[in-house]
Amino acid sequence: MSWISPFALPGHWYRGNLHTHTTQSDGRSTPEAVSAWYRAHGYDFLAITDHWVHTRGMQTDDHSFITISGTELDGPGYHMLALGTSCLPDAGLAQDVSALVQQVLQQGGLPFFAHPYWTG
């Protein structure tokens, strides 16, 4: 059986970035400048995921670009992205990644580890 690239299949592909930092944590540009850059370069969506800062999602009036709400949560030995959340999870849970994941899920968010190569 030969491998078929998913990009060769019919459908519409969206271009986006789910892990972006701004001056709200350790990035170099403001959230507005970062969003403008991605939009100007043909991206369809963006998640701004600054460390322990919740950035809410928005869409343009013409629906051509969307930002997904998110944050990057970190604690001992991990960095975790939380997308689609309504607010920042309780920082007091940073020591208990399982409890933090549960809180993100309770908000209807999607938690997943960033930089998995750091911890194997």
PDB file of N, CA and C in Angstrom:
ATOM      1  N   MET A   1       0.848  -1.172   0.000  1.00  0.00           N
ATOM      2  CA  MET A   1       0.000   0.000   0.000  1.00  0.00           C
ATOM      3  C   MET A   1       0.897   1.239   0.000  1.00  0.00           C
ATOM      4  N   SER A   2       0.626   2.147  -0.890  1.00  0.00           N
ATOM      5  CA  SER A   2       1.446   3.355  -0.966  1.00  0.00           C
ATOM      6  C   SER A   2       0.789   4.491  -0.177  1.00  0.00           C
ATOM      7  N   TRP A   3       1.607   5.379   0.295  1.00  0.00           N
ATOM      8  CA  TRP A   3       1.149   6.532   1.076  1.00  0.00           C
ATOM      9  C   TRP A   3       0.644   7.610   0.137  1.00  0.00           C
ATOM     10  N   ILE A   4      -0.475   8.237   0.498  1.00  0.00           N
ATOM     11  CA  ILE A   4      -1.041   9.335  -0.284  1.00  0.00           C
ATOM     12  C   ILE A   4      -1.027  10.584   0.586  1.00  0.00           C
ATOM     13  N   SER A   5      -0.447  11.624   0.079  1.00  0.00           N
ATOM     14  CA  SER A   5      -0.406  12.887   0.809  1.00  0.00           C
ATOM     15  C   SER A   5      -1.827  13.400   1.010  1.00  0.00           C
ATOM     16  N   PRO A   6      -2.186  13.804   2.236  1.00  0.00           N
ATOM     17  CA  PRO A   6      -3.528  14.355   2.455  1.00  0.00           C
ATOM     18  C   PRO A   6      -3.761  15.626   1.640  1.00  0.00           C
ATOM     19  N   PHE A   7      -2.706  16.336   1.281  1.00  0.00           N
ATOM     20  CA  PHE A   7      -2.844  17.554   0.489  1.00  0.00           C
ATOM     21  C   PHE A   7      -3.243  17.263  -0.958  1.00  0.00           C
ATOM     22  N   ALA A   8      -3.107  16.005  -1.380  1.00  0.00           N
ATOM     23  CA  ALA A   8      -3.499  15.620  -2.721  1.00  0.00           C
ATOM     24  C   ALA A   8      -4.986  15.255  -2.804  1.00  0.00           C
ATOM     25  N   LEU A   9      -5.633  15.129  -1.656  1.00  0.00           N
ATOM     26  CA  LEU A   9      -7.044  14.754  -1.625  1.00  0.00           C
ATOM     27  C   LEU A   9      -7.932  15.976  -1.819  1.00  0.00           C
ATOM     28  N   PRO A  10      -9.153  15.773  -2.293  1.00  0.00           N
ATOM     29  CA  PRO A  10     -10.059  16.911  -2.477  1.00  0.00           C
ATOM     30  C   PRO A  10     -10.398  17.557  -1.134  1.00  0.00           C
ATOM     31  N   GLY A  11     -10.715  18.806  -1.182  1.00  0.00           N
ATOM     32  CA  GLY A  11     -11.094  19.528   0.027  1.00  0.00           C
ATOM     33  C   GLY A  11     -10.404  20.868   0.102  1.00  0.00           C
ATOM     34  N   HIS A  12     -10.681  21.566   1.168  1.00  0.00           N
ATOM     35  CA  HIS A  12     -10.085  22.885   1.375  1.00  0.00           C
ATOM     36  C   HIS A  12      -9.163  22.821   2.581  1.00  0.00           C
ATOM     37  N   TRP A  13      -7.958  23.287   2.418  1.00  0.00           N
ATOM     38  CA  TRP A  13      -6.985  23.315   3.497  1.00  0.00           C
ATOM     39  C   TRP A  13      -6.882  24.728   4.044  1.00  0.00           C
ATOM     40  N   TYR A  14      -6.767  24.827   5.362  1.00  0.00           N
ATOM     41  CA  TYR A  14      -6.627  26.115   6.030  1.00  0.00           C
ATOM     42  C   TYR A  14      -5.217  26.241   6.575  1.00  0.00           C
ATOM     43  N   ARG A  15      -4.674  27.432   6.501  1.00  0.00           N
ATOM     44  CA  ARG A  15      -3.317  27.691   6.967  1.00  0.00           C
ATOM     45  C   ARG A  15      -3.412  28.439   8.292  1.00  0.00           C
ATOM     46  N   GLY A  16      -2.698  27.951   9.298  1.00  0.00           N
ATOM     47  CA  GLY A  16      -2.765  28.600  10.590  1.00  0.00           C
ATOM     48  C   GLY A  16      -1.590  28.282  11.489  1.00  0.00           C
ATOM     49  N   ASN A  17      -1.572  28.954  12.623  1.00  0.00           N
ATOM     50  CA  ASN A  17      -0.554  28.743  13.649  1.00  0.00           C
ATOM     51  C   ASN A  17      -1.270  28.657  14.990  1.00  0.00           C
ATOM     52  N   LEU A  18      -1.008  27.590  15.744  1.00  0.00           N
ATOM     53  CA  LEU A  18      -1.676  27.370  17.026  1.00  0.00           C
ATOM     54  C   LEU A  18      -0.789  27.676  18.230  1.00  0.00           C
ATOM     55  N   HIS A  19       0.399  28.222  17.997  1.00  0.00           N
ATOM     56  CA  HIS A  19       1.313  28.497  19.116  1.00  0.00           C
ATOM     57  C   HIS A  19       2.140  29.739  18.801  1.00  0.00           C
ATOM     58  N   THR A  20       1.656  30.880  19.269  1.00  0.00           N
ATOM     59  CA  THR A  20       2.270  32.163  18.947  1.00  0.00           C
ATOM     60  C   THR A  20       2.394  33.009  20.204  1.00  0.00           C
ATOM     61  N   HIS A  21       3.557  33.612  20.398  1.00  0.00           N
ATOM     62  CA  HIS A  21       3.769  34.497  21.549  1.00  0.00           C
ATOM     63  C   HIS A  21       3.818  35.954  21.104  1.00  0.00           C
ATOM     64  N   THR A  22       3.437  36.837  22.025  1.00  0.00           N
ATOM     65  CA  THR A  22       3.462  38.277  21.779  1.00  0.00           C
ATOM     66  C   THR A  22       4.122  38.965  22.968  1.00  0.00           C
ATOM     67  N   THR A  23       4.077  40.281  22.975  1.00  0.00           N
ATOM     68  CA  THR A  23       4.638  41.049  24.090  1.00  0.00           C
ATOM     69  C   THR A  23       3.860  40.853  25.386  1.00  0.00           C
ATOM     70  N   GLN A  24       2.747  40.120  25.329  1.00  0.00           N
ATOM     71  CA  GLN A  24       2.027  39.796  26.568  1.00  0.00           C
ATOM     72  C   GLN A  24       2.814  38.810  27.423  1.00  0.00           C
ATOM     73  N   SER A  25       3.798  38.108  26.820  1.00  0.00           N
ATOM     74  CA  SER A  25       4.702  37.244  27.591  1.00  0.00           C
ATOM     75  C   SER A  25       6.110  37.412  27.031  1.00  0.00           C
ATOM     76  N   ASP A  26       6.601  36.462  26.273  1.00  0.00           N
ATOM     77  CA  ASP A  26       7.996  36.532  25.822  1.00  0.00           C
ATOM     78  C   ASP A  26       8.168  36.737  24.321  1.00  0.00           C
ATOM     79  N   GLY A  27       7.160  37.307  23.655  1.00  0.00           N
ATOM     80  CA  GLY A  27       7.262  37.602  22.228  1.00  0.00           C
ATOM     81  C   GLY A  27       7.806  38.995  21.979  1.00  0.00           C
ATOM     82  N   ARG A  28       8.010  39.323  20.715  1.00  0.00           N
ATOM     83  CA  ARG A  28       8.622  40.603  20.343  1.00  0.00           C
ATOM     84  C   ARG A  28       7.644  41.631  19.791  1.00  0.00           C
ATOM     85  N   SER A  29       6.433  41.194  19.417  1.00  0.00           N
ATOM     86  CA  SER A  29       5.458  42.106  18.815  1.00  0.00           C
ATOM     87  C   SER A  29       4.145  42.059  19.589  1.00  0.00           C
ATOM     88  N   THR A  30       3.354  43.107  19.439  1.00  0.00           N
ATOM     89  CA  THR A  30       2.067  43.179  20.118  1.00  0.00           C
ATOM     90  C   THR A  30       1.092  42.172  19.501  1.00  0.00           C
ATOM     91  N   PRO A  31       0.034  41.822  20.236  1.00  0.00           N
ATOM     92  CA  PRO A  31      -0.974  40.926  19.652  1.00  0.00           C
ATOM     93  C   PRO A  31      -1.560  41.479  18.357  1.00  0.00           C
ATOM     94  N   GLU A  32      -1.799  42.768  18.288  1.00  0.00           N
ATOM     95  CA  GLU A  32      -2.351  43.384  17.082  1.00  0.00           C
ATOM     96  C   GLU A  32      -1.394  43.254  15.904  1.00  0.00           C
ATOM     97  N   ALA A  33      -0.105  43.512  16.149  1.00  0.00           N
ATOM     98  CA  ALA A  33       0.895  43.415  15.081  1.00  0.00           C
ATOM     99  C   ALA A  33       1.072  41.968  14.617  1.00  0.00           C
ATOM    100  N   VAL A  34       1.061  41.041  15.554  1.00  0.00           N
ATOM    101  CA  VAL A  34       1.203  39.619  15.198  1.00  0.00           C
ATOM    102  C   VAL A  34       0.013  39.167  14.361  1.00  0.00           C
ATOM    103  N   SER A  35      -1.193  39.509  14.789  1.00  0.00           N
ATOM    104  CA  SER A  35      -2.394  39.139  14.030  1.00  0.00           C
ATOM    105  C   SER A  35      -2.359  39.742  12.631  1.00  0.00           C
ATOM    106  N   ALA A  36      -1.964  41.004  12.536  1.00  0.00           N
ATOM    107  CA  ALA A  36      -1.889  41.666  11.232  1.00  0.00           C
ATOM    108  C   ALA A  36      -0.872  40.981  10.327  1.00  0.00           C
ATOM    109  N   TRP A  37       0.272  40.571  10.882  1.00  0.00           N
ATOM    110  CA  TRP A  37       1.304  39.905  10.085  1.00  0.00           C
ATOM    111  C   TRP A  37       0.779  38.593   9.521  1.00  0.00           C
ATOM    112  N   TYR A  38       0.162  37.771  10.367  1.00  0.00           N
ATOM    113  CA  TYR A  38      -0.344  36.474   9.901  1.00  0.00           C
ATOM    114  C   TYR A  38      -1.442  36.657   8.857  1.00  0.00           C
ATOM    115  N   ARG A  39      -2.320  37.599   9.081  1.00  0.00           N
ATOM    116  CA  ARG A  39      -3.386  37.855   8.114  1.00  0.00           C
ATOM    117  C   ARG A  39      -2.803  38.321   6.772  1.00  0.00           C
ATOM    118  N   ALA A  40      -1.831  39.230   6.821  1.00  0.00           N
ATOM    119  CA  ALA A  40      -1.209  39.754   5.601  1.00  0.00           C
ATOM    120  C   ALA A  40      -0.434  38.680   4.832  1.00  0.00           C
ATOM    121  N   HIS A  41      -0.019  37.628   5.535  1.00  0.00           N
ATOM    122  CA  HIS A  41       0.755  36.565   4.893  1.00  0.00           C
ATOM    123  C   HIS A  41      -0.102  35.349   4.530  1.00  0.00           C
ATOM    124  N   GLY A  42      -1.412  35.550   4.438  1.00  0.00           N
ATOM    125  CA  GLY A  42      -2.281  34.515   3.901  1.00  0.00           C
ATOM    126  C   GLY A  42      -2.747  33.443   4.860  1.00  0.00           C
ATOM    127  N   TYR A  43      -2.582  33.669   6.147  1.00  0.00           N
ATOM    128  CA  TYR A  43      -3.065  32.692   7.115  1.00  0.00           C
ATOM    129  C   TYR A  43      -4.569  32.854   7.301  1.00  0.00           C
ATOM    130  N   ASP A  44      -5.228  31.741   7.633  1.00  0.00           N
ATOM    131  CA  ASP A  44      -6.671  31.740   7.868  1.00  0.00           C
ATOM    132  C   ASP A  44      -7.011  31.847   9.353  1.00  0.00           C
ATOM    133  N   PHE A  45      -6.117  31.343  10.196  1.00  0.00           N
ATOM    134  CA  PHE A  45      -6.385  31.372  11.640  1.00  0.00           C
ATOM    135  C   PHE A  45      -5.089  31.472  12.433  1.00  0.00           C
ATOM    136  N   LEU A  46      -5.260  31.879  13.686  1.00  0.00           N
ATOM    137  CA  LEU A  46      -4.127  32.090  14.589  1.00  0.00           C
ATOM    138  C   LEU A  46      -4.599  31.918  16.025  1.00  0.00           C
ATOM    139  N   ALA A  47      -3.779  31.297  16.840  1.00  0.00           N
ATOM    140  CA  ALA A  47      -4.012  31.252  18.280  1.00  0.00           C
ATOM    141  C   ALA A  47      -2.828  31.941  18.953  1.00  0.00           C
ATOM    142  N   ILE A  48      -3.109  32.992  19.684  1.00  0.00           N
ATOM    143  CA  ILE A  48      -2.072  33.663  20.471  1.00  0.00           C
ATOM    144  C   ILE A  48      -2.047  32.968  21.822  1.00  0.00           C
ATOM    145  N   THR A  49      -0.907  32.359  22.126  1.00  0.00           N
ATOM    146  CA  THR A  49      -0.795  31.510  23.314  1.00  0.00           C
ATOM    147  C   THR A  49       0.360  31.974  24.191  1.00  0.00           C
ATOM    148  N   ASP A  50       0.208  33.152  24.750  1.00  0.00           N
ATOM    149  CA  ASP A  50       1.224  33.660  25.667  1.00  0.00           C
ATOM    150  C   ASP A  50       1.166  32.900  26.987  1.00  0.00           C
ATOM    151  N   HIS A  51       2.296  32.892  27.694  1.00  0.00           N
ATOM    152  CA  HIS A  51       2.392  32.172  28.964  1.00  0.00           C
ATOM    153  C   HIS A  51       1.472  32.791  30.014  1.00  0.00           C
ATOM    154  N   TRP A  52       0.532  31.981  30.473  1.00  0.00           N
ATOM    155  CA  TRP A  52      -0.401  32.329  31.547  1.00  0.00           C
ATOM    156  C   TRP A  52      -1.139  33.646  31.297  1.00  0.00           C
ATOM    157  N   VAL A  53      -1.428  33.920  30.022  1.00  0.00           N
ATOM    158  CA  VAL A  53      -2.245  35.068  29.631  1.00  0.00           C
ATOM    159  C   VAL A  53      -3.326  34.527  28.704  1.00  0.00           C
ATOM    160  N   HIS A  54      -4.582  34.764  29.035  1.00  0.00           N
ATOM    161  CA  HIS A  54      -5.672  34.319  28.170  1.00  0.00           C
ATOM    162  C   HIS A  54      -5.926  35.377  27.105  1.00  0.00           C
ATOM    163  N   THR A  55      -5.880  34.964  25.850  1.00  0.00           N
ATOM    164  CA  THR A  55      -6.192  35.853  24.740  1.00  0.00           C
ATOM    165  C   THR A  55      -7.474  35.330  24.104  1.00  0.00           C
ATOM    166  N   ARG A  56      -8.481  36.185  24.038  1.00  0.00           N
ATOM    167  CA  ARG A  56      -9.766  35.716  23.503  1.00  0.00           C
ATOM    168  C   ARG A  56      -9.727  35.675  21.978  1.00  0.00           C
ATOM    169  N   GLY A  57     -10.578  34.860  21.428  1.00  0.00           N
ATOM    170  CA  GLY A  57     -10.669  34.723  19.988  1.00  0.00           C
ATOM    171  C   GLY A  57     -11.562  35.784  19.375  1.00  0.00           C
ATOM    172  N   MET A  58     -11.310  36.062  18.107  1.00  0.00           N
ATOM    173  CA  MET A  58     -12.104  37.036  17.349  1.00  0.00           C
ATOM    174  C   MET A  58     -12.095  36.621  15.886  1.00  0.00           C
ATOM    175  N   GLN A  59     -13.011  37.191  15.117  1.00  0.00           N
ATOM    176  CA  GLN A  59     -12.961  36.997  13.669  1.00  0.00           C
ATOM    177  C   GLN A  59     -13.180  38.332  12.983  1.00  0.00           C
ATOM    178  N   THR A  60     -12.661  38.418  11.782  1.00  0.00           N
ATOM    179  CA  THR A  60     -12.821  39.656  11.025  1.00  0.00           C
ATOM    180  C   THR A  60     -14.270  39.772  10.547  1.00  0.00           C
ATOM    181  N   ASP A  61     -14.672  40.977  10.207  1.00  0.00           N
ATOM    182  CA  ASP A  61     -16.043  41.213   9.735  1.00  0.00           C
ATOM    183  C   ASP A  61     -16.369  40.392   8.493  1.00  0.00           C
ATOM    184  N   ASP A  62     -15.371  40.173   7.645  1.00  0.00           N
ATOM    185  CA  ASP A  62     -15.626  39.410   6.421  1.00  0.00           C
ATOM    186  C   ASP A  62     -15.358  37.905   6.594  1.00  0.00           C
ATOM    187  N   HIS A  63     -15.074  37.469   7.827  1.00  0.00           N
ATOM    188  CA  HIS A  63     -14.851  36.055   8.171  1.00  0.00           C
ATOM    189  C   HIS A  63     -13.649  35.440   7.450  1.00  0.00           C
ATOM    190  N   SER A  64     -12.716  36.277   7.006  1.00  0.00           N
ATOM    191  CA  SER A  64     -11.556  35.761   6.276  1.00  0.00           C
ATOM    192  C   SER A  64     -10.399  35.382   7.202  1.00  0.00           C
ATOM    193  N   PHE A  65     -10.484  35.759   8.475  1.00  0.00           N
ATOM    194  CA  PHE A  65      -9.401  35.467   9.424  1.00  0.00           C
ATOM    195  C   PHE A  65     -10.012  35.329  10.806  1.00  0.00           C
ATOM    196  N   ILE A  66      -9.555  34.333  11.547  1.00  0.00           N
ATOM    197  CA  ILE A  66     -10.072  34.102  12.888  1.00  0.00           C
ATOM    198  C   ILE A  66      -8.910  33.886  13.851  1.00  0.00           C
ATOM    199  N   THR A  67      -9.050  34.409  15.061  1.00  0.00           N
ATOM    200  CA  THR A  67      -8.108  34.070  16.121  1.00  0.00           C
ATOM    201  C   THR A  67      -8.852  33.176  17.104  1.00  0.00           C
ATOM    202  N   ILE A  68      -8.184  32.153  17.555  1.00  0.00           N
ATOM    203  CA  ILE A  68      -8.742  31.174  18.476  1.00  0.00           C
ATOM    204  C   ILE A  68      -8.271  31.536  19.877  1.00  0.00           C
ATOM    205  N   SER A  69      -9.185  31.540  20.842  1.00  0.00           N
ATOM    206  CA  SER A  69      -8.790  31.869  22.206  1.00  0.00           C
ATOM    207  C   SER A  69      -7.789  30.839  22.717  1.00  0.00           C
ATOM    208  N   GLY A  70      -6.850  31.300  23.531  1.00  0.00           N
ATOM    209  CA  GLY A  70      -5.863  30.362  24.042  1.00  0.00           C
ATOM    210  C   GLY A  70      -4.859  30.963  24.987  1.00  0.00           C
ATOM    211  N   THR A  71      -4.048  30.072  25.534  1.00  0.00           N
ATOM    212  CA  THR A  71      -2.967  30.405  26.440  1.00  0.00           C
ATOM    213  C   THR A  71      -1.959  29.259  26.439  1.00  0.00           C
ATOM    214  N   GLU A  72      -0.767  29.539  26.916  1.00  0.00           N
ATOM    215  CA  GLU A  72       0.202  28.466  27.167  1.00  0.00           C
ATOM    216  C   GLU A  72       0.386  28.387  28.672  1.00  0.00           C
ATOM    217  N   LEU A  73       0.153  27.208  29.199  1.00  0.00           N
ATOM    218  CA  LEU A  73       0.282  26.958  30.630  1.00  0.00           C
ATOM    219  C   LEU A  73       1.566  26.182  30.844  1.00  0.00           C
ATOM    220  N   ASP A  74       2.276  26.501  31.896  1.00  0.00           N
ATOM    221  CA  ASP A  74       3.499  25.752  32.146  1.00  0.00           C
ATOM    222  C   ASP A  74       3.647  25.483  33.635  1.00  0.00           C
ATOM    223  N   GLY A  75       4.350  24.423  33.919  1.00  0.00           N
ATOM    224  CA  GLY A  75       4.626  24.002  35.283  1.00  0.00           C
ATOM    225  C   GLY A  75       5.862  23.132  35.273  1.00  0.00           C
ATOM    226  N   PRO A  76       6.078  22.397  36.329  1.00  0.00           N
ATOM    227  CA  PRO A  76       7.298  21.587  36.407  1.00  0.00           C
ATOM    228  C   PRO A  76       7.346  20.513  35.321  1.00  0.00           C
ATOM    229  N   GLY A  77       8.233  20.713  34.350  1.00  0.00           N
ATOM    230  CA  GLY A  77       8.472  19.720  33.313  1.00  0.00           C
ATOM    231  C   GLY A  77       7.518  19.737  32.143  1.00  0.00           C
ATOM    232  N   TYR A  78       6.670  20.735  32.015  1.00  0.00           N
ATOM    233  CA  TYR A  78       5.754  20.749  30.885  1.00  0.00           C
ATOM    234  C   TYR A  78       5.402  22.167  30.453  1.00  0.00           C
ATOM    235  N   HIS A  79       4.985  22.276  29.205  1.00  0.00           N
ATOM    236  CA  HIS A  79       4.326  23.446  28.637  1.00  0.00           C
ATOM    237  C   HIS A  79       3.103  22.889  27.921  1.00  0.00           C
ATOM    238  N   MET A  80       1.934  23.427  28.215  1.00  0.00           N
ATOM    239  CA  MET A  80       0.701  22.914  27.637  1.00  0.00           C
ATOM    240  C   MET A  80      -0.093  24.053  27.020  1.00  0.00           C
ATOM    241  N   LEU A  81      -0.548  23.854  25.797  1.00  0.00           N
ATOM    242  CA  LEU A  81      -1.427  24.827  25.154  1.00  0.00           C
ATOM    243  C   LEU A  81      -2.862  24.501  25.528  1.00  0.00           C
ATOM    244  N   ALA A  82      -3.659  25.537  25.708  1.00  0.00           N
ATOM    245  CA  ALA A  82      -5.084  25.381  25.988  1.00  0.00           C
ATOM    246  C   ALA A  82      -5.824  26.275  25.003  1.00  0.00           C
ATOM    247  N   LEU A  83      -6.503  25.667  24.046  1.00  0.00           N
ATOM    248  CA  LEU A  83      -7.203  26.411  23.003  1.00  0.00           C
ATOM    249  C   LEU A  83      -8.712  26.331  23.224  1.00  0.00           C
ATOM    250  N   GLY A  84      -9.405  27.396  22.835  1.00  0.00           N
ATOM    251  CA  GLY A  84     -10.853  27.403  22.923  1.00  0.00           C
ATOM    252  C   GLY A  84     -11.400  27.602  24.319  1.00  0.00           C
ATOM    253  N   THR A  85     -10.595  28.126  25.204  1.00  0.00           N
ATOM    254  CA  THR A  85     -11.032  28.349  26.583  1.00  0.00           C
ATOM    255  C   THR A  85     -11.734  29.698  26.707  1.00  0.00           C
ATOM    256  N   SER A  86     -12.526  29.833  27.756  1.00  0.00           N
ATOM    257  CA  SER A  86     -13.249  31.086  27.986  1.00  0.00           C
ATOM    258  C   SER A  86     -12.530  31.999  28.964  1.00  0.00           C
ATOM    259  N   CYS A  87     -11.605  31.440  29.733  1.00  0.00           N
ATOM    260  CA  CYS A  87     -10.830  32.244  30.682  1.00  0.00           C
ATOM    261  C   CYS A  87      -9.564  31.482  31.050  1.00  0.00           C
ATOM    262  N   LEU A  88      -8.713  32.138  31.780  1.00  0.00           N
ATOM    263  CA  LEU A  88      -7.455  31.535  32.217  1.00  0.00           C
ATOM    264  C   LEU A  88      -7.736  30.514  33.320  1.00  0.00           C
ATOM    265  N   PRO A  89      -7.211  29.297  33.191  1.00  0.00           N
ATOM    266  CA  PRO A  89      -7.381  28.321  34.262  1.00  0.00           C
ATOM    267  C   PRO A  89      -6.675  28.778  35.542  1.00  0.00           C
ATOM    268  N   ASP A  90      -6.960  28.136  36.630  1.00  0.00           N
ATOM    269  CA  ASP A  90      -6.404  28.460  37.941  1.00  0.00           C
ATOM    270  C   ASP A  90      -4.902  28.150  37.958  1.00  0.00           C
ATOM    271  N   ALA A  91      -4.080  29.182  38.118  1.00  0.00           N
ATOM    272  CA  ALA A  91      -2.623  28.996  38.151  1.00  0.00           C
ATOM    273  C   ALA A  91      -2.187  28.142  39.336  1.00  0.00           C
ATOM    274  N   GLY A  92      -3.009  28.063  40.347  1.00  0.00           N
ATOM    275  CA  GLY A  92      -2.703  27.208  41.495  1.00  0.00           C
ATOM    276  C   GLY A  92      -2.649  25.727  41.143  1.00  0.00           C
ATOM    277  N   LEU A  93      -3.164  25.379  39.980  1.00  0.00           N
ATOM    278  CA  LEU A  93      -3.146  23.986  39.538  1.00  0.00           C
ATOM    279  C   LEU A  93      -1.895  23.635  38.743  1.00  0.00           C
ATOM    280  N   ALA A  94      -0.978  24.566  38.582  1.00  0.00           N
ATOM    281  CA  ALA A  94       0.204  24.340  37.741  1.00  0.00           C
ATOM    282  C   ALA A  94       1.030  23.132  38.196  1.00  0.00           C
ATOM    283  N   GLN A  95       0.995  22.823  39.467  1.00  0.00           N
ATOM    284  CA  GLN A  95       1.760  21.673  39.977  1.00  0.00           C
ATOM    285  C   GLN A  95       1.071  20.344  39.676  1.00  0.00           C
ATOM    286  N   ASP A  96      -0.219  20.381  39.341  1.00  0.00           N
ATOM    287  CA  ASP A  96      -1.007  19.169  39.086  1.00  0.00           C
ATOM    288  C   ASP A  96      -1.555  19.226  37.659  1.00  0.00           C
ATOM    289  N   VAL A  97      -0.776  18.733  36.726  1.00  0.00           N
ATOM    290  CA  VAL A  97      -1.132  18.858  35.311  1.00  0.00           C
ATOM    291  C   VAL A  97      -2.457  18.154  35.013  1.00  0.00           C
ATOM    292  N   SER A  98      -2.761  17.057  35.686  1.00  0.00           N
ATOM    293  CA  SER A  98      -4.031  16.359  35.447  1.00  0.00           C
ATOM    294  C   SER A  98      -5.216  17.230  35.826  1.00  0.00           C
ATOM    295  N   ALA A  99      -5.130  17.909  36.964  1.00  0.00           N
ATOM    296  CA  ALA A  99      -6.205  18.802  37.391  1.00  0.00           C
ATOM    297  C   ALA A  99      -6.328  19.988  36.441  1.00  0.00           C
ATOM    298  N   LEU A 100      -5.196  20.478  35.956  1.00  0.00           N
ATOM    299  CA  LEU A 100      -5.201  21.589  35.003  1.00  0.00           C
ATOM    300  C   LEU A 100      -5.880  21.172  33.694  1.00  0.00           C
ATOM    301  N   VAL A 101      -5.548  19.980  33.217  1.00  0.00           N
ATOM    302  CA  VAL A 101      -6.185  19.447  32.009  1.00  0.00           C
ATOM    303  C   VAL A 101      -7.696  19.355  32.222  1.00  0.00           C
ATOM    304  N   GLN A 102      -8.118  18.849  33.355  1.00  0.00           N
ATOM    305  CA  GLN A 102      -9.553  18.725  33.633  1.00  0.00           C
ATOM    306  C   GLN A 102     -10.242  20.082  33.624  1.00  0.00           C
ATOM    307  N   GLN A 103      -9.591  21.107  34.164  1.00  0.00           N
ATOM    308  CA  GLN A 103     -10.205  22.429  34.165  1.00  0.00           C
ATOM    309  C   GLN A 103     -10.333  22.976  32.742  1.00  0.00           C
ATOM    310  N   VAL A 104      -9.325  22.771  31.918  1.00  0.00           N
ATOM    311  CA  VAL A 104      -9.392  23.208  30.516  1.00  0.00           C
ATOM    312  C   VAL A 104     -10.533  22.479  29.805  1.00  0.00           C
ATOM    313  N   LEU A 105     -10.654  21.175  30.006  1.00  0.00           N
ATOM    314  CA  LEU A 105     -11.720  20.394  29.385  1.00  0.00           C
ATOM    315  C   LEU A 105     -13.098  20.850  29.862  1.00  0.00           C
ATOM    316  N   GLN A 106     -13.216  21.180  31.137  1.00  0.00           N
ATOM    317  CA  GLN A 106     -14.499  21.657  31.671  1.00  0.00           C
ATOM    318  C   GLN A 106     -14.928  22.967  31.025  1.00  0.00           C
ATOM    319  N   GLN A 107     -13.970  23.747  30.567  1.00  0.00           N
ATOM    320  CA  GLN A 107     -14.285  24.991  29.863  1.00  0.00           C
ATOM    321  C   GLN A 107     -14.613  24.748  28.393  1.00  0.00           C
ATOM    322  N   GLY A 108     -14.519  23.499  27.960  1.00  0.00           N
ATOM    323  CA  GLY A 108     -14.738  23.190  26.548  1.00  0.00           C
ATOM    324  C   GLY A 108     -13.494  23.407  25.713  1.00  0.00           C
ATOM    325  N   GLY A 109     -12.351  23.549  26.380  1.00  0.00           N
ATOM    326  CA  GLY A 109     -11.095  23.789  25.685  1.00  0.00           C
ATOM    327  C   GLY A 109     -10.392  22.512  25.266  1.00  0.00           C
ATOM    328  N   LEU A 110      -9.364  22.684  24.472  1.00  0.00           N
ATOM    329  CA  LEU A 110      -8.542  21.574  23.986  1.00  0.00           C
ATOM    330  C   LEU A 110      -7.131  21.739  24.548  1.00  0.00           C
ATOM    331  N   PRO A 111      -6.734  20.880  25.497  1.00  0.00           N
ATOM    332  CA  PRO A 111      -5.369  20.948  26.019  1.00  0.00           C
ATOM    333  C   PRO A 111      -4.453  19.982  25.262  1.00  0.00           C
ATOM    334  N   PHE A 112      -3.241  20.443  24.967  1.00  0.00           N
ATOM    335  CA  PHE A 112      -2.244  19.531  24.411  1.00  0.00           C
ATOM    336  C   PHE A 112      -0.859  20.088  24.707  1.00  0.00           C
ATOM    337  N   PHE A 113       0.103  19.174  24.801  1.00  0.00           N
ATOM    338  CA  PHE A 113       1.455  19.570  25.176  1.00  0.00           C
ATOM    339  C   PHE A 113       2.168  20.251  24.033  1.00  0.00           C
ATOM    340  N   ALA A 114       2.839  21.344  24.359  1.00  0.00           N
ATOM    341  CA  ALA A 114       3.723  22.039  23.434  1.00  0.00           C
ATOM    342  C   ALA A 114       5.136  21.491  23.650  1.00  0.00           C
ATOM    343  N   HIS A 115       5.943  21.566  22.640  1.00  0.00           N
ATOM    344  CA  HIS A 115       7.348  21.162  22.752  1.00  0.00           C
ATOM    345  C   HIS A 115       7.514  19.737  23.304  1.00  0.00           C
ATOM    346  N   PRO A 116       6.845  18.738  22.753  1.00  0.00           N
ATOM    347  CA  PRO A 116       6.941  17.389  23.341  1.00  0.00           C
ATOM    348  C   PRO A 116       8.357  16.836  23.313  1.00  0.00           C
ATOM    349  N   TYR A 117       9.191  17.343  22.440  1.00  0.00           N
ATOM    350  CA  TYR A 117      10.569  16.859  22.369  1.00  0.00           C
ATOM    351  C   TYR A 117      11.380  17.274  23.599  1.00  0.00           C
ATOM    352  N   TRP A 118      10.919  18.269  24.360  1.00  0.00           N
ATOM    353  CA  TRP A 118      11.644  18.688  25.554  1.00  0.00           C
ATOM    354  C   TRP A 118      11.574  17.622  26.638  1.00  0.00           C
ATOM    355  N   THR A 119      10.453  16.925  26.728  1.00  0.00           N
ATOM    356  CA  THR A 119      10.264  15.952  27.815  1.00  0.00           C
ATOM    357  C   THR A 119      10.191  14.523  27.322  1.00  0.00           C
ATOM    358  N   GLY A 120      10.251  14.318  26.027  1.00  0.00           N
ATOM    359  CA  GLY A 120      10.217  12.965  25.465  1.00  0.00           C
ATOM    360  C   GLY A 120       8.814  12.432  25.419  1.00  0.00           C
TER     361      GLY A 120
END
